Amino acid sequence: MNFAQVKIAGTIDKDPYTGENNGTVDYISFPVRDESGQLLVTAHDGVSKSIASSDRPPRKGDRIEASGSLNVSANGKIKLRVQSVNQMKYFPEDNKP
């Protein structure tokens, strides 16, 4: 089930997981923590390829601002799906804004 657009700001809790299909990145995910808890941020297809191939992909400890659609799976897991690279800004841990 998909819901309205939401925006979060927090810190990436773990290095991103990148899923591949036949050697091509088709999925990336990472947990983001703020004062209210943790939310899994995901990107698919072209968005995940752009993130993974950037000069400096996001890493654990980076601050991030992301917006996208909230998704609740059949088993109740909640995710934020980023649908464009323009919906995500991150700041390396060693270069905080």
N, C-alpha and C. Protein backbone atom coordinates (compact mmCIF):
# COMPACT_ATOMS: atom_id res chain seq x y z
N MET A 1 0.84 -1.17 0.00
CA MET A 1 0.00 0.00 0.00
C MET A 1 0.89 1.23 0.00
N ASN A 2 0.63 2.19 -0.85
CA ASN A 2 1.41 3.41 -0.93
C ASN A 2 0.62 4.58 -0.38
N PHE A 3 1.34 5.50 0.23
CA PHE A 3 0.71 6.65 0.85
C PHE A 3 1.29 7.94 0.28
N ALA A 4 0.93 9.05 0.88
CA ALA A 4 1.34 10.37 0.42
C ALA A 4 2.85 10.56 0.50
N GLN A 5 3.30 11.64 -0.09
CA GLN A 5 4.71 12.02 -0.05
C GLN A 5 5.09 12.48 1.36
N VAL A 6 6.24 12.04 1.82
CA VAL A 6 6.76 12.47 3.11
C VAL A 6 8.23 12.87 2.96
N LYS A 7 8.73 13.60 3.94
CA LYS A 7 10.13 14.03 3.93
C LYS A 7 10.74 13.69 5.27
N ILE A 8 11.98 13.19 5.25
CA ILE A 8 12.69 12.88 6.48
C ILE A 8 14.07 13.52 6.44
N ALA A 9 14.62 13.72 7.62
CA ALA A 9 16.01 14.18 7.76
C ALA A 9 16.60 13.40 8.92
N GLY A 10 17.77 12.84 8.70
CA GLY A 10 18.40 12.04 9.75
C GLY A 10 19.79 11.61 9.34
N THR A 11 20.24 10.52 9.95
CA THR A 11 21.58 9.99 9.72
C THR A 11 21.49 8.57 9.19
N ILE A 12 22.28 8.26 8.17
CA ILE A 12 22.30 6.90 7.63
C ILE A 12 22.94 5.98 8.67
N ASP A 13 22.19 4.96 9.08
CA ASP A 13 22.59 4.06 10.17
C ASP A 13 23.55 2.95 9.76
N LYS A 14 23.46 2.49 8.51
CA LYS A 14 24.32 1.41 8.01
C LYS A 14 24.69 1.73 6.56
N ASP A 15 25.82 1.17 6.12
CA ASP A 15 26.18 1.35 4.72
C ASP A 15 25.06 0.79 3.83
N PRO A 16 24.78 1.46 2.71
CA PRO A 16 23.70 1.02 1.83
C PRO A 16 23.89 -0.41 1.32
N TYR A 17 22.77 -1.09 1.17
CA TYR A 17 22.72 -2.41 0.53
C TYR A 17 22.37 -2.16 -0.93
N THR A 18 23.13 -2.75 -1.83
CA THR A 18 22.87 -2.62 -3.27
C THR A 18 22.51 -3.98 -3.83
N GLY A 19 21.32 -4.06 -4.44
CA GLY A 19 20.91 -5.30 -5.09
C GLY A 19 21.19 -5.22 -6.58
N GLU A 20 21.65 -6.32 -7.13
CA GLU A 20 21.97 -6.36 -8.56
C GLU A 20 21.21 -7.47 -9.25
N ASN A 21 20.94 -7.25 -10.51
CA ASN A 21 20.30 -8.24 -11.37
C ASN A 21 21.12 -8.31 -12.65
N ASN A 22 21.75 -9.45 -12.90
CA ASN A 22 22.61 -9.63 -14.08
C ASN A 22 23.70 -8.57 -14.16
N GLY A 23 24.28 -8.22 -13.00
CA GLY A 23 25.38 -7.28 -12.97
C GLY A 23 24.97 -5.82 -13.03
N THR A 24 23.69 -5.53 -13.02
CA THR A 24 23.21 -4.16 -13.07
C THR A 24 22.51 -3.80 -11.77
N VAL A 25 22.85 -2.66 -11.19
CA VAL A 25 22.20 -2.21 -9.95
C VAL A 25 20.73 -1.95 -10.23
N ASP A 26 19.86 -2.58 -9.44
CA ASP A 26 18.43 -2.32 -9.63
C ASP A 26 17.73 -1.97 -8.32
N TYR A 27 18.50 -1.87 -7.22
CA TYR A 27 17.90 -1.60 -5.93
C TYR A 27 18.97 -1.13 -4.96
N ILE A 28 18.66 -0.12 -4.17
CA ILE A 28 19.55 0.31 -3.10
C ILE A 28 18.69 0.68 -1.90
N SER A 29 19.16 0.34 -0.72
CA SER A 29 18.41 0.67 0.49
C SER A 29 19.36 0.94 1.65
N PHE A 30 18.90 1.76 2.57
CA PHE A 30 19.68 2.05 3.78
C PHE A 30 18.74 2.61 4.84
N PRO A 31 19.01 2.27 6.11
CA PRO A 31 18.19 2.78 7.19
C PRO A 31 18.62 4.19 7.59
N VAL A 32 17.63 5.05 7.84
CA VAL A 32 17.89 6.41 8.29
C VAL A 32 17.26 6.58 9.67
N ARG A 33 18.05 7.13 10.59
CA ARG A 33 17.58 7.33 11.96
C ARG A 33 17.47 8.82 12.27
N ASP A 34 16.38 9.17 12.95
CA ASP A 34 16.23 10.52 13.51
C ASP A 34 15.75 10.36 14.94
N GLU A 35 15.34 11.46 15.57
CA GLU A 35 14.95 11.39 16.97
C GLU A 35 13.68 10.56 17.22
N SER A 36 12.91 10.29 16.17
CA SER A 36 11.68 9.51 16.35
C SER A 36 11.85 8.02 16.07
N GLY A 37 12.98 7.61 15.50
CA GLY A 37 13.19 6.20 15.20
C GLY A 37 13.96 6.00 13.92
N GLN A 38 13.70 4.86 13.27
CA GLN A 38 14.43 4.47 12.06
C GLN A 38 13.44 4.14 10.94
N LEU A 39 13.81 4.51 9.71
CA LEU A 39 13.00 4.23 8.53
C LEU A 39 13.93 3.77 7.41
N LEU A 40 13.51 2.74 6.69
CA LEU A 40 14.29 2.24 5.57
C LEU A 40 13.99 3.09 4.33
N VAL A 41 15.05 3.62 3.71
CA VAL A 41 14.93 4.40 2.48
C VAL A 41 15.36 3.50 1.33
N THR A 42 14.56 3.47 0.26
CA THR A 42 14.85 2.62 -0.89
C THR A 42 14.79 3.43 -2.18
N ALA A 43 15.50 2.94 -3.18
CA ALA A 43 15.43 3.49 -4.53
C ALA A 43 15.57 2.32 -5.49
N HIS A 44 14.92 2.41 -6.63
CA HIS A 44 14.92 1.32 -7.60
C HIS A 44 15.32 1.82 -8.98
N ASP A 45 15.65 0.87 -9.84
CA ASP A 45 15.89 1.10 -11.27
C ASP A 45 16.88 2.23 -11.52
N GLY A 46 16.52 3.19 -12.35
CA GLY A 46 17.43 4.26 -12.73
C GLY A 46 17.89 5.11 -11.58
N VAL A 47 17.02 5.31 -10.59
CA VAL A 47 17.40 6.11 -9.43
C VAL A 47 18.52 5.40 -8.66
N SER A 48 18.36 4.10 -8.43
CA SER A 48 19.39 3.36 -7.69
C SER A 48 20.71 3.33 -8.47
N LYS A 49 20.64 3.21 -9.79
CA LYS A 49 21.85 3.22 -10.61
C LYS A 49 22.58 4.56 -10.48
N SER A 50 21.82 5.65 -10.51
CA SER A 50 22.42 6.98 -10.38
C SER A 50 23.09 7.17 -9.03
N ILE A 51 22.44 6.70 -7.97
CA ILE A 51 23.00 6.84 -6.63
C ILE A 51 24.27 6.00 -6.51
N ALA A 52 24.20 4.75 -6.93
CA ALA A 52 25.34 3.83 -6.79
C ALA A 52 26.54 4.26 -7.62
N SER A 53 26.30 4.91 -8.76
CA SER A 53 27.41 5.29 -9.64
C SER A 53 27.88 6.73 -9.44
N SER A 54 27.33 7.42 -8.44
CA SER A 54 27.75 8.80 -8.20
C SER A 54 29.20 8.84 -7.72
N ASP A 55 29.80 10.01 -7.79
CA ASP A 55 31.19 10.18 -7.36
C ASP A 55 31.39 9.79 -5.90
N ARG A 56 30.37 10.03 -5.09
CA ARG A 56 30.46 9.73 -3.66
C ARG A 56 29.08 9.24 -3.19
N PRO A 57 28.82 7.93 -3.32
CA PRO A 57 27.54 7.40 -2.86
C PRO A 57 27.37 7.61 -1.35
N PRO A 58 26.15 7.59 -0.86
CA PRO A 58 25.93 7.75 0.58
C PRO A 58 26.58 6.62 1.37
N ARG A 59 26.97 6.95 2.61
CA ARG A 59 27.61 5.98 3.49
C ARG A 59 27.06 6.11 4.91
N LYS A 60 27.34 5.11 5.71
CA LYS A 60 26.97 5.13 7.12
C LYS A 60 27.55 6.40 7.76
N GLY A 61 26.70 7.07 8.55
CA GLY A 61 27.13 8.28 9.25
C GLY A 61 26.80 9.57 8.53
N ASP A 62 26.49 9.51 7.22
CA ASP A 62 26.13 10.72 6.48
C ASP A 62 24.77 11.24 6.95
N ARG A 63 24.63 12.57 6.98
CA ARG A 63 23.32 13.18 7.20
C ARG A 63 22.58 13.15 5.87
N ILE A 64 21.27 12.99 5.93
CA ILE A 64 20.48 12.89 4.70
C ILE A 64 19.14 13.58 4.87
N GLU A 65 18.67 14.16 3.79
CA GLU A 65 17.30 14.66 3.66
C GLU A 65 16.72 13.96 2.45
N ALA A 66 15.59 13.32 2.63
CA ALA A 66 14.98 12.57 1.53
C ALA A 66 13.47 12.71 1.57
N SER A 67 12.87 12.70 0.40
CA SER A 67 11.41 12.69 0.31
C SER A 67 11.02 11.63 -0.70
N GLY A 68 9.81 11.14 -0.56
CA GLY A 68 9.31 10.11 -1.45
C GLY A 68 7.98 9.60 -0.96
N SER A 69 7.57 8.47 -1.52
CA SER A 69 6.28 7.91 -1.12
C SER A 69 6.49 6.88 -0.02
N LEU A 70 5.63 6.94 0.97
CA LEU A 70 5.66 5.99 2.06
C LEU A 70 4.98 4.72 1.58
N ASN A 71 5.63 3.58 1.81
CA ASN A 71 5.11 2.30 1.36
C ASN A 71 5.02 1.35 2.55
N VAL A 72 3.86 0.71 2.70
CA VAL A 72 3.68 -0.30 3.74
C VAL A 72 3.42 -1.62 3.05
N SER A 73 4.30 -2.61 3.29
CA SER A 73 4.17 -3.91 2.64
C SER A 73 3.11 -4.75 3.35
N ALA A 74 2.78 -5.87 2.76
CA ALA A 74 1.78 -6.77 3.33
C ALA A 74 2.15 -7.26 4.72
N ASN A 75 3.46 -7.35 4.99
CA ASN A 75 3.89 -7.80 6.32
C ASN A 75 4.08 -6.65 7.29
N GLY A 76 3.67 -5.44 6.90
CA GLY A 76 3.69 -4.29 7.80
C GLY A 76 4.97 -3.50 7.84
N LYS A 77 5.96 -3.83 7.01
CA LYS A 77 7.21 -3.07 6.98
C LYS A 77 6.99 -1.76 6.25
N ILE A 78 7.51 -0.70 6.85
CA ILE A 78 7.35 0.64 6.29
C ILE A 78 8.65 1.08 5.65
N LYS A 79 8.55 1.64 4.44
CA LYS A 79 9.72 2.12 3.70
C LYS A 79 9.38 3.46 3.07
N LEU A 80 10.42 4.24 2.84
CA LEU A 80 10.29 5.47 2.07
C LEU A 80 10.95 5.22 0.72
N ARG A 81 10.18 5.30 -0.34
CA ARG A 81 10.72 5.05 -1.68
C ARG A 81 11.02 6.37 -2.38
N VAL A 82 12.31 6.60 -2.63
CA VAL A 82 12.76 7.79 -3.35
C VAL A 82 12.54 7.52 -4.83
N GLN A 83 11.86 8.43 -5.52
CA GLN A 83 11.51 8.19 -6.91
C GLN A 83 12.31 9.03 -7.90
N SER A 84 13.22 9.87 -7.37
CA SER A 84 14.07 10.70 -8.21
C SER A 84 15.32 11.07 -7.41
N VAL A 85 16.45 11.18 -8.07
CA VAL A 85 17.66 11.60 -7.36
C VAL A 85 17.50 13.01 -6.79
N ASN A 86 16.59 13.79 -7.36
CA ASN A 86 16.33 15.14 -6.87
C ASN A 86 15.60 15.14 -5.53
N GLN A 87 15.10 14.00 -5.11
CA GLN A 87 14.39 13.89 -3.83
C GLN A 87 15.33 13.54 -2.68
N MET A 88 16.62 13.55 -2.93
CA MET A 88 17.57 13.13 -1.90
C MET A 88 18.80 14.02 -1.92
N LYS A 89 19.18 14.52 -0.74
CA LYS A 89 20.43 15.25 -0.56
C LYS A 89 21.12 14.62 0.64
N TYR A 90 22.39 14.36 0.52
CA TYR A 90 23.12 13.84 1.66
C TYR A 90 24.43 14.60 1.82
N PHE A 91 24.87 14.61 3.07
CA PHE A 91 26.04 15.38 3.45
C PHE A 91 27.02 14.43 4.11
N PRO A 92 28.18 14.21 3.50
CA PRO A 92 29.16 13.29 4.06
C PRO A 92 29.45 13.61 5.52
N GLU A 93 29.67 12.58 6.31
CA GLU A 93 29.91 12.71 7.74
C GLU A 93 31.06 13.67 8.03
N ASP A 94 32.08 13.64 7.19
CA ASP A 94 33.24 14.50 7.41
C ASP A 94 33.08 15.90 6.83
N ASN A 95 31.92 16.20 6.26
CA ASN A 95 31.67 17.51 5.65
C ASN A 95 30.24 17.95 5.95
N LYS A 96 29.88 17.99 7.22
CA LYS A 96 28.51 18.30 7.62
C LYS A 96 28.17 19.75 7.29
N PRO A 97 26.90 19.99 6.93
CA PRO A 97 26.49 21.35 6.57
C PRO A 97 26.51 22.29 7.77
